[in-house]
Amino acid sequence: MTDGAGHGDGEGQGEGLDGEIALTLTAARAHDGEIALVRLLSLLPGHWTYRHRVTAARIMLWVRTPAGAPAVHAALRAALADPALRGWLPDSD
């Protein structure tokens, strides 16, 4: 498991710590979560602030942006449409 620049205990999707949006993605089969995280982050806006916790088949991502939750969820849906992230799904939407 790898941890990003600090991490919270929040899981699932919703409000995280200090106004962060918490997202959890899982893969149906064991995938390389670290590679998937890099791919995911490359598809999300670079000016947002991210923290993460990763295992082989689970990505927990906390996003802080003034754009708010609807923008985060829309960007996540667009990123997950990329074929490189096939098999990764939000725990709930």
PDB file of N, CA and C in Angstrom:
ATOM      1  N   MET A   1       0.851  -1.170   0.000  1.00  0.00           N
ATOM      2  CA  MET A   1       0.000   0.000   0.000  1.00  0.00           C
ATOM      3  C   MET A   1       0.894   1.230   0.000  1.00  0.00           C
ATOM      4  N   THR A   2       0.526   2.225  -0.774  1.00  0.00           N
ATOM      5  CA  THR A   2       1.241   3.490  -0.742  1.00  0.00           C
ATOM      6  C   THR A   2       0.300   4.578  -0.287  1.00  0.00           C
ATOM      7  N   ASP A   3       0.858   5.542   0.391  1.00  0.00           N
ATOM      8  CA  ASP A   3       0.087   6.679   0.870  1.00  0.00           C
ATOM      9  C   ASP A   3       0.621   7.933   0.217  1.00  0.00           C
ATOM     10  N   GLY A   4      -0.298   8.809  -0.154  1.00  0.00           N
ATOM     11  CA  GLY A   4       0.089  10.094  -0.718  1.00  0.00           C
ATOM     12  C   GLY A   4       0.470  11.049   0.394  1.00  0.00           C
ATOM     13  N   ALA A   5       0.574  12.294   0.084  1.00  0.00           N
ATOM     14  CA  ALA A   5       0.998  13.321   1.034  1.00  0.00           C
ATOM     15  C   ALA A   5      -0.029  13.445   2.150  1.00  0.00           C
ATOM     16  N   GLY A   6       0.043  12.563   3.110  1.00  0.00           N
ATOM     17  CA  GLY A   6      -0.924  12.543   4.193  1.00  0.00           C
ATOM     18  C   GLY A   6      -2.201  11.864   3.752  1.00  0.00           C
ATOM     19  N   HIS A   7      -2.923  11.312   4.673  1.00  0.00           N
ATOM     20  CA  HIS A   7      -4.194  10.682   4.329  1.00  0.00           C
ATOM     21  C   HIS A   7      -5.108  10.720   5.535  1.00  0.00           C
ATOM     22  N   GLY A   8      -6.399  10.670   5.267  1.00  0.00           N
ATOM     23  CA  GLY A   8      -7.388  10.660   6.341  1.00  0.00           C
ATOM     24  C   GLY A   8      -7.952   9.274   6.512  1.00  0.00           C
ATOM     25  N   ASP A   9      -8.890   9.163   7.411  1.00  0.00           N
ATOM     26  CA  ASP A   9      -9.518   7.869   7.642  1.00  0.00           C
ATOM     27  C   ASP A   9     -10.822   7.718   6.876  1.00  0.00           C
ATOM     28  N   GLY A  10     -11.254   8.766   6.170  1.00  0.00           N
ATOM     29  CA  GLY A  10     -12.524   8.705   5.459  1.00  0.00           C
ATOM     30  C   GLY A  10     -12.473   7.741   4.294  1.00  0.00           C
ATOM     31  N   GLU A  11     -13.549   7.042   4.071  1.00  0.00           N
ATOM     32  CA  GLU A  11     -13.659   6.154   2.925  1.00  0.00           C
ATOM     33  C   GLU A  11     -14.990   6.400   2.255  1.00  0.00           C
ATOM     34  N   GLY A  12     -15.198   5.774   1.109  1.00  0.00           N
ATOM     35  CA  GLY A  12     -16.433   5.967   0.374  1.00  0.00           C
ATOM     36  C   GLY A  12     -16.389   7.286  -0.367  1.00  0.00           C
ATOM     37  N   GLN A  13     -17.523   7.750  -0.794  1.00  0.00           N
ATOM     38  CA  GLN A  13     -17.583   9.009  -1.499  1.00  0.00           C
ATOM     39  C   GLN A  13     -18.391   9.978  -0.678  1.00  0.00           C
ATOM     40  N   GLY A  14     -17.969  11.197  -0.635  1.00  0.00           N
ATOM     41  CA  GLY A  14     -18.649  12.224   0.128  1.00  0.00           C
ATOM     42  C   GLY A  14     -17.634  13.232   0.598  1.00  0.00           C
ATOM     43  N   GLU A  15     -17.995  13.996   1.607  1.00  0.00           N
ATOM     44  CA  GLU A  15     -17.090  15.007   2.108  1.00  0.00           C
ATOM     45  C   GLU A  15     -16.003  14.357   2.952  1.00  0.00           C
ATOM     46  N   GLY A  16     -14.785  14.729   2.703  1.00  0.00           N
ATOM     47  CA  GLY A  16     -13.648  14.244   3.468  1.00  0.00           C
ATOM     48  C   GLY A  16     -13.267  15.271   4.524  1.00  0.00           C
ATOM     49  N   LEU A  17     -12.014  15.294   4.891  1.00  0.00           N
ATOM     50  CA  LEU A  17     -11.521  16.223   5.883  1.00  0.00           C
ATOM     51  C   LEU A  17     -11.370  17.606   5.278  1.00  0.00           C
ATOM     52  N   ASP A  18     -11.684  18.651   6.047  1.00  0.00           N
ATOM     53  CA  ASP A  18     -11.473  20.035   5.622  1.00  0.00           C
ATOM     54  C   ASP A  18     -12.047  20.332   4.246  1.00  0.00           C
ATOM     55  N   GLY A  19     -13.254  19.881   3.960  1.00  0.00           N
ATOM     56  CA  GLY A  19     -13.894  20.181   2.695  1.00  0.00           C
ATOM     57  C   GLY A  19     -13.406  19.365   1.519  1.00  0.00           C
ATOM     58  N   GLU A  20     -12.597  18.359   1.757  1.00  0.00           N
ATOM     59  CA  GLU A  20     -12.137  17.501   0.671  1.00  0.00           C
ATOM     60  C   GLU A  20     -13.261  16.579   0.222  1.00  0.00           C
ATOM     61  N   ILE A  21     -13.216  16.170  -1.036  1.00  0.00           N
ATOM     62  CA  ILE A  21     -14.147  15.191  -1.574  1.00  0.00           C
ATOM     63  C   ILE A  21     -13.431  13.845  -1.529  1.00  0.00           C
ATOM     64  N   ALA A  22     -14.019  12.852  -0.862  1.00  0.00           N
ATOM     65  CA  ALA A  22     -13.408  11.529  -0.736  1.00  0.00           C
ATOM     66  C   ALA A  22     -13.991  10.597  -1.787  1.00  0.00           C
ATOM     67  N   LEU A  23     -13.125   9.915  -2.523  1.00  0.00           N
ATOM     68  CA  LEU A  23     -13.527   8.978  -3.567  1.00  0.00           C
ATOM     69  C   LEU A  23     -12.849   7.642  -3.318  1.00  0.00           C
ATOM     70  N   THR A  24     -13.572   6.552  -3.498  1.00  0.00           N
ATOM     71  CA  THR A  24     -12.970   5.229  -3.402  1.00  0.00           C
ATOM     72  C   THR A  24     -13.299   4.465  -4.671  1.00  0.00           C
ATOM     73  N   LEU A  25     -12.269   3.939  -5.319  1.00  0.00           N
ATOM     74  CA  LEU A  25     -12.418   3.137  -6.530  1.00  0.00           C
ATOM     75  C   LEU A  25     -11.934   1.734  -6.234  1.00  0.00           C
ATOM     76  N   THR A  26     -12.604   0.749  -6.788  1.00  0.00           N
ATOM     77  CA  THR A  26     -12.152  -0.626  -6.635  1.00  0.00           C
ATOM     78  C   THR A  26     -12.136  -1.303  -7.996  1.00  0.00           C
ATOM     79  N   ALA A  27     -11.307  -2.321  -8.095  1.00  0.00           N
ATOM     80  CA  ALA A  27     -11.218  -3.114  -9.320  1.00  0.00           C
ATOM     81  C   ALA A  27     -11.838  -4.471  -9.042  1.00  0.00           C
ATOM     82  N   ALA A  28     -12.555  -5.000 -10.017  1.00  0.00           N
ATOM     83  CA  ALA A  28     -13.198  -6.306  -9.864  1.00  0.00           C
ATOM     84  C   ALA A  28     -12.157  -7.398  -9.638  1.00  0.00           C
ATOM     85  N   ARG A  29     -11.043  -7.286 -10.311  1.00  0.00           N
ATOM     86  CA  ARG A  29      -9.925  -8.220 -10.133  1.00  0.00           C
ATOM     87  C   ARG A  29      -8.727  -7.423  -9.650  1.00  0.00           C
ATOM     88  N   ALA A  30      -7.778  -8.094  -9.050  1.00  0.00           N
ATOM     89  CA  ALA A  30      -6.587  -7.393  -8.572  1.00  0.00           C
ATOM     90  C   ALA A  30      -5.864  -6.752  -9.748  1.00  0.00           C
ATOM     91  N   HIS A  31      -5.750  -5.463  -9.703  1.00  0.00           N
ATOM     92  CA  HIS A  31      -5.015  -4.698 -10.696  1.00  0.00           C
ATOM     93  C   HIS A  31      -3.863  -4.002  -9.977  1.00  0.00           C
ATOM     94  N   ASP A  32      -3.025  -3.342 -10.709  1.00  0.00           N
ATOM     95  CA  ASP A  32      -1.960  -2.567 -10.097  1.00  0.00           C
ATOM     96  C   ASP A  32      -2.498  -1.186  -9.760  1.00  0.00           C
ATOM     97  N   GLY A  33      -2.884  -1.006  -8.536  1.00  0.00           N
ATOM     98  CA  GLY A  33      -3.485   0.243  -8.100  1.00  0.00           C
ATOM     99  C   GLY A  33      -2.586   1.446  -8.260  1.00  0.00           C
ATOM    100  N   GLU A  34      -1.274   1.272  -8.049  1.00  0.00           N
ATOM    101  CA  GLU A  34      -0.369   2.412  -8.169  1.00  0.00           C
ATOM    102  C   GLU A  34      -0.310   2.925  -9.602  1.00  0.00           C
ATOM    103  N   ILE A  35      -0.255   2.033 -10.566  1.00  0.00           N
ATOM    104  CA  ILE A  35      -0.242   2.455 -11.968  1.00  0.00           C
ATOM    105  C   ILE A  35      -1.580   3.094 -12.330  1.00  0.00           C
ATOM    106  N   ALA A  36      -2.675   2.510 -11.864  1.00  0.00           N
ATOM    107  CA  ALA A  36      -3.995   3.081 -12.136  1.00  0.00           C
ATOM    108  C   ALA A  36      -4.115   4.478 -11.532  1.00  0.00           C
ATOM    109  N   LEU A  37      -3.551   4.687 -10.344  1.00  0.00           N
ATOM    110  CA  LEU A  37      -3.598   6.007  -9.719  1.00  0.00           C
ATOM    111  C   LEU A  37      -2.861   7.034 -10.575  1.00  0.00           C
ATOM    112  N   VAL A  38      -1.687   6.678 -11.071  1.00  0.00           N
ATOM    113  CA  VAL A  38      -0.929   7.600 -11.930  1.00  0.00           C
ATOM    114  C   VAL A  38      -1.743   7.938 -13.172  1.00  0.00           C
ATOM    115  N   ARG A  39      -2.345   6.931 -13.773  1.00  0.00           N
ATOM    116  CA  ARG A  39      -3.184   7.173 -14.957  1.00  0.00           C
ATOM    117  C   ARG A  39      -4.360   8.078 -14.613  1.00  0.00           C
ATOM    118  N   LEU A  40      -5.015   7.806 -13.492  1.00  0.00           N
ATOM    119  CA  LEU A  40      -6.159   8.610 -13.071  1.00  0.00           C
ATOM    120  C   LEU A  40      -5.750  10.063 -12.841  1.00  0.00           C
ATOM    121  N   LEU A  41      -4.678  10.274 -12.083  1.00  0.00           N
ATOM    122  CA  LEU A  41      -4.247  11.639 -11.792  1.00  0.00           C
ATOM    123  C   LEU A  41      -3.854  12.399 -13.053  1.00  0.00           C
ATOM    124  N   SER A  42      -3.324  11.686 -14.046  1.00  0.00           N
ATOM    125  CA  SER A  42      -2.939  12.360 -15.293  1.00  0.00           C
ATOM    126  C   SER A  42      -4.157  12.861 -16.063  1.00  0.00           C
ATOM    127  N   LEU A  43      -5.329  12.323 -15.765  1.00  0.00           N
ATOM    128  CA  LEU A  43      -6.557  12.710 -16.459  1.00  0.00           C
ATOM    129  C   LEU A  43      -7.394  13.731 -15.683  1.00  0.00           C
ATOM    130  N   LEU A  44      -6.990  14.031 -14.462  1.00  0.00           N
ATOM    131  CA  LEU A  44      -7.713  14.999 -13.637  1.00  0.00           C
ATOM    132  C   LEU A  44      -6.990  16.348 -13.667  1.00  0.00           C
ATOM    133  N   PRO A  45      -7.687  17.437 -13.369  1.00  0.00           N
ATOM    134  CA  PRO A  45      -7.064  18.765 -13.416  1.00  0.00           C
ATOM    135  C   PRO A  45      -5.826  18.870 -12.523  1.00  0.00           C
ATOM    136  N   GLY A  46      -4.763  19.393 -13.074  1.00  0.00           N
ATOM    137  CA  GLY A  46      -3.500  19.503 -12.354  1.00  0.00           C
ATOM    138  C   GLY A  46      -3.501  20.531 -11.243  1.00  0.00           C
ATOM    139  N   HIS A  47      -4.421  21.484 -11.273  1.00  0.00           N
ATOM    140  CA  HIS A  47      -4.436  22.527 -10.248  1.00  0.00           C
ATOM    141  C   HIS A  47      -5.239  22.124  -9.008  1.00  0.00           C
ATOM    142  N   TRP A  48      -5.895  20.967  -9.023  1.00  0.00           N
ATOM    143  CA  TRP A  48      -6.575  20.483  -7.835  1.00  0.00           C
ATOM    144  C   TRP A  48      -5.542  19.869  -6.891  1.00  0.00           C
ATOM    145  N   THR A  49      -5.884  19.766  -5.622  1.00  0.00           N
ATOM    146  CA  THR A  49      -5.002  19.166  -4.624  1.00  0.00           C
ATOM    147  C   THR A  49      -5.495  17.755  -4.328  1.00  0.00           C
ATOM    148  N   TYR A  50      -4.553  16.794  -4.292  1.00  0.00           N
ATOM    149  CA  TYR A  50      -4.911  15.386  -4.112  1.00  0.00           C
ATOM    150  C   TYR A  50      -4.129  14.765  -2.962  1.00  0.00           C
ATOM    151  N   ARG A  51      -4.769  13.808  -2.292  1.00  0.00           N
ATOM    152  CA  ARG A  51      -4.111  12.891  -1.353  1.00  0.00           C
ATOM    153  C   ARG A  51      -4.627  11.510  -1.702  1.00  0.00           C
ATOM    154  N   HIS A  52      -3.859  10.480  -1.409  1.00  0.00           N
ATOM    155  CA  HIS A  52      -4.309   9.146  -1.794  1.00  0.00           C
ATOM    156  C   HIS A  52      -3.788   8.065  -0.857  1.00  0.00           C
ATOM    157  N   ARG A  53      -4.460   6.934  -0.930  1.00  0.00           N
ATOM    158  CA  ARG A  53      -4.024   5.682  -0.298  1.00  0.00           C
ATOM    159  C   ARG A  53      -4.350   4.603  -1.326  1.00  0.00           C
ATOM    160  N   VAL A  54      -3.385   3.726  -1.614  1.00  0.00           N
ATOM    161  CA  VAL A  54      -3.546   2.762  -2.708  1.00  0.00           C
ATOM    162  C   VAL A  54      -3.148   1.362  -2.267  1.00  0.00           C
ATOM    163  N   THR A  55      -3.948   0.373  -2.688  1.00  0.00           N
ATOM    164  CA  THR A  55      -3.571  -1.036  -2.607  1.00  0.00           C
ATOM    165  C   THR A  55      -3.692  -1.594  -4.020  1.00  0.00           C
ATOM    166  N   ALA A  56      -3.461  -2.866  -4.196  1.00  0.00           N
ATOM    167  CA  ALA A  56      -3.500  -3.458  -5.539  1.00  0.00           C
ATOM    168  C   ALA A  56      -4.846  -3.263  -6.225  1.00  0.00           C
ATOM    169  N   ALA A  57      -5.938  -3.340  -5.478  1.00  0.00           N
ATOM    170  CA  ALA A  57      -7.265  -3.283  -6.102  1.00  0.00           C
ATOM    171  C   ALA A  57      -8.154  -2.184  -5.529  1.00  0.00           C
ATOM    172  N   ARG A  58      -7.547  -1.196  -4.861  1.00  0.00           N
ATOM    173  CA  ARG A  58      -8.354  -0.124  -4.264  1.00  0.00           C
ATOM    174  C   ARG A  58      -7.583   1.193  -4.281  1.00  0.00           C
ATOM    175  N   ILE A  59      -8.264   2.238  -4.712  1.00  0.00           N
ATOM    176  CA  ILE A  59      -7.697   3.585  -4.696  1.00  0.00           C
ATOM    177  C   ILE A  59      -8.612   4.451  -3.846  1.00  0.00           C
ATOM    178  N   MET A  60      -8.062   5.054  -2.810  1.00  0.00           N
ATOM    179  CA  MET A  60      -8.797   6.038  -2.025  1.00  0.00           C
ATOM    180  C   MET A  60      -8.162   7.384  -2.338  1.00  0.00           C
ATOM    181  N   LEU A  61      -8.966   8.304  -2.822  1.00  0.00           N
ATOM    182  CA  LEU A  61      -8.464   9.592  -3.292  1.00  0.00           C
ATOM    183  C   LEU A  61      -9.265  10.706  -2.636  1.00  0.00           C
ATOM    184  N   TRP A  62      -8.559  11.672  -2.082  1.00  0.00           N
ATOM    185  CA  TRP A  62      -9.186  12.846  -1.511  1.00  0.00           C
ATOM    186  C   TRP A  62      -8.813  14.026  -2.394  1.00  0.00           C
ATOM    187  N   VAL A  63      -9.817  14.791  -2.797  1.00  0.00           N
ATOM    188  CA  VAL A  63      -9.615  15.903  -3.722  1.00  0.00           C
ATOM    189  C   VAL A  63     -10.074  17.191  -3.051  1.00  0.00           C
ATOM    190  N   ARG A  64      -9.246  18.218  -3.144  1.00  0.00           N
ATOM    191  CA  ARG A  64      -9.639  19.534  -2.649  1.00  0.00           C
ATOM    192  C   ARG A  64      -9.607  20.498  -3.827  1.00  0.00           C
ATOM    193  N   THR A  65     -10.738  21.129  -4.085  1.00  0.00           N
ATOM    194  CA  THR A  65     -10.854  22.090  -5.176  1.00  0.00           C
ATOM    195  C   THR A  65     -11.996  23.046  -4.883  1.00  0.00           C
ATOM    196  N   PRO A  66     -11.868  24.298  -5.292  1.00  0.00           N
ATOM    197  CA  PRO A  66     -12.991  25.211  -5.125  1.00  0.00           C
ATOM    198  C   PRO A  66     -14.150  24.885  -6.070  1.00  0.00           C
ATOM    199  N   ALA A  67     -13.915  24.007  -7.038  1.00  0.00           N
ATOM    200  CA  ALA A  67     -14.952  23.655  -8.015  1.00  0.00           C
ATOM    201  C   ALA A  67     -16.104  22.876  -7.385  1.00  0.00           C
ATOM    202  N   GLY A  68     -15.868  22.204  -6.266  1.00  0.00           N
ATOM    203  CA  GLY A  68     -16.926  21.485  -5.569  1.00  0.00           C
ATOM    204  C   GLY A  68     -17.145  20.066  -6.060  1.00  0.00           C
ATOM    205  N   ALA A  69     -17.984  19.358  -5.324  1.00  0.00           N
ATOM    206  CA  ALA A  69     -18.231  17.936  -5.574  1.00  0.00           C
ATOM    207  C   ALA A  69     -18.763  17.629  -6.968  1.00  0.00           C
ATOM    208  N   PRO A  70     -19.709  18.392  -7.523  1.00  0.00           N
ATOM    209  CA  PRO A  70     -20.199  18.043  -8.866  1.00  0.00           C
ATOM    210  C   PRO A  70     -19.086  18.030  -9.914  1.00  0.00           C
ATOM    211  N   ALA A  71     -18.173  18.995  -9.836  1.00  0.00           N
ATOM    212  CA  ALA A  71     -17.064  19.034 -10.796  1.00  0.00           C
ATOM    213  C   ALA A  71     -16.124  17.853 -10.595  1.00  0.00           C
ATOM    214  N   VAL A  72     -15.888  17.480  -9.340  1.00  0.00           N
ATOM    215  CA  VAL A  72     -15.012  16.337  -9.056  1.00  0.00           C
ATOM    216  C   VAL A  72     -15.625  15.061  -9.612  1.00  0.00           C
ATOM    217  N   HIS A  73     -16.907  14.843  -9.361  1.00  0.00           N
ATOM    218  CA  HIS A  73     -17.562  13.624  -9.841  1.00  0.00           C
ATOM    219  C   HIS A  73     -17.631  13.582 -11.367  1.00  0.00           C
ATOM    220  N   ALA A  74     -17.848  14.733 -12.003  1.00  0.00           N
ATOM    221  CA  ALA A  74     -17.870  14.779 -13.471  1.00  0.00           C
ATOM    222  C   ALA A  74     -16.490  14.462 -14.040  1.00  0.00           C
ATOM    223  N   ALA A  75     -15.443  15.019 -13.440  1.00  0.00           N
ATOM    224  CA  ALA A  75     -14.080  14.748 -13.908  1.00  0.00           C
ATOM    225  C   ALA A  75     -13.722  13.283 -13.692  1.00  0.00           C
ATOM    226  N   LEU A  76     -14.156  12.709 -12.573  1.00  0.00           N
ATOM    227  CA  LEU A  76     -13.890  11.298 -12.300  1.00  0.00           C
ATOM    228  C   LEU A  76     -14.582  10.408 -13.327  1.00  0.00           C
ATOM    229  N   ARG A  77     -15.845  10.699 -13.636  1.00  0.00           N
ATOM    230  CA  ARG A  77     -16.563   9.908 -14.644  1.00  0.00           C
ATOM    231  C   ARG A  77     -15.860   9.979 -15.996  1.00  0.00           C
ATOM    232  N   ALA A  78     -15.420  11.174 -16.384  1.00  0.00           N
ATOM    233  CA  ALA A  78     -14.719  11.332 -17.661  1.00  0.00           C
ATOM    234  C   ALA A  78     -13.405  10.555 -17.654  1.00  0.00           C
ATOM    235  N   ALA A  79     -12.662  10.615 -16.552  1.00  0.00           N
ATOM    236  CA  ALA A  79     -11.386   9.901 -16.468  1.00  0.00           C
ATOM    237  C   ALA A  79     -11.596   8.391 -16.520  1.00  0.00           C
ATOM    238  N   LEU A  80     -12.626   7.891 -15.838  1.00  0.00           N
ATOM    239  CA  LEU A  80     -12.865   6.449 -15.808  1.00  0.00           C
ATOM    240  C   LEU A  80     -13.366   5.909 -17.141  1.00  0.00           C
ATOM    241  N   ALA A  81     -13.748   6.791 -18.055  1.00  0.00           N
ATOM    242  CA  ALA A  81     -14.139   6.358 -19.402  1.00  0.00           C
ATOM    243  C   ALA A  81     -12.919   6.013 -20.249  1.00  0.00           C
ATOM    244  N   ASP A  82     -11.734   6.406 -19.784  1.00  0.00           N
ATOM    245  CA  ASP A  82     -10.503   6.105 -20.515  1.00  0.00           C
ATOM    246  C   ASP A  82     -10.248   4.598 -20.479  1.00  0.00           C
ATOM    247  N   PRO A  83      -9.926   3.982 -21.632  1.00  0.00           N
ATOM    248  CA  PRO A  83      -9.689   2.530 -21.669  1.00  0.00           C
ATOM    249  C   PRO A  83      -8.584   2.058 -20.721  1.00  0.00           C
ATOM    250  N   ALA A  84      -7.627   2.920 -20.408  1.00  0.00           N
ATOM    251  CA  ALA A  84      -6.543   2.527 -19.503  1.00  0.00           C
ATOM    252  C   ALA A  84      -7.042   2.269 -18.087  1.00  0.00           C
ATOM    253  N   LEU A  85      -8.222   2.776 -17.762  1.00  0.00           N
ATOM    254  CA  LEU A  85      -8.780   2.583 -16.421  1.00  0.00           C
ATOM    255  C   LEU A  85      -9.967   1.630 -16.419  1.00  0.00           C
ATOM    256  N   ARG A  86     -10.097   0.869 -17.492  1.00  0.00           N
ATOM    257  CA  ARG A  86     -11.183  -0.115 -17.574  1.00  0.00           C
ATOM    258  C   ARG A  86     -11.086  -1.063 -16.376  1.00  0.00           C
ATOM    259  N   GLY A  87     -12.207  -1.333 -15.756  1.00  0.00           N
ATOM    260  CA  GLY A  87     -12.238  -2.242 -14.607  1.00  0.00           C
ATOM    261  C   GLY A  87     -12.241  -1.518 -13.269  1.00  0.00           C
ATOM    262  N   TRP A  88     -11.895  -0.235 -13.257  1.00  0.00           N
ATOM    263  CA  TRP A  88     -11.924   0.543 -12.022  1.00  0.00           C
ATOM    264  C   TRP A  88     -13.262   1.255 -11.920  1.00  0.00           C
ATOM    265  N   LEU A  89     -13.938   1.087 -10.794  1.00  0.00           N
ATOM    266  CA  LEU A  89     -15.271   1.653 -10.606  1.00  0.00           C
ATOM    267  C   LEU A  89     -15.369   2.350  -9.255  1.00  0.00           C
ATOM    268  N   PRO A  90     -16.150   3.443  -9.195  1.00  0.00           N
ATOM    269  CA  PRO A  90     -16.402   4.065  -7.886  1.00  0.00           C
ATOM    270  C   PRO A  90     -17.196   3.097  -7.012  1.00  0.00           C
ATOM    271  N   ASP A  91     -16.938   3.107  -5.707  1.00  0.00           N
ATOM    272  CA  ASP A  91     -17.710   2.256  -4.797  1.00  0.00           C
ATOM    273  C   ASP A  91     -19.181   2.619  -4.835  1.00  0.00           C
ATOM    274  N   SER A  92     -19.488   3.898  -4.922  1.00  0.00           N
ATOM    275  CA  SER A  92     -20.866   4.370  -5.069  1.00  0.00           C
ATOM    276  C   SER A  92     -20.804   5.752  -5.674  1.00  0.00           C
ATOM    277  N   ASP A  93     -21.931   6.193  -6.250  1.00  0.00           N
ATOM    278  CA  ASP A  93     -21.919   7.498  -6.920  1.00  0.00           C
ATOM    279  C   ASP A  93     -22.939   8.425  -6.384  1.00  0.00           C
TER     280      ASP A  93
END
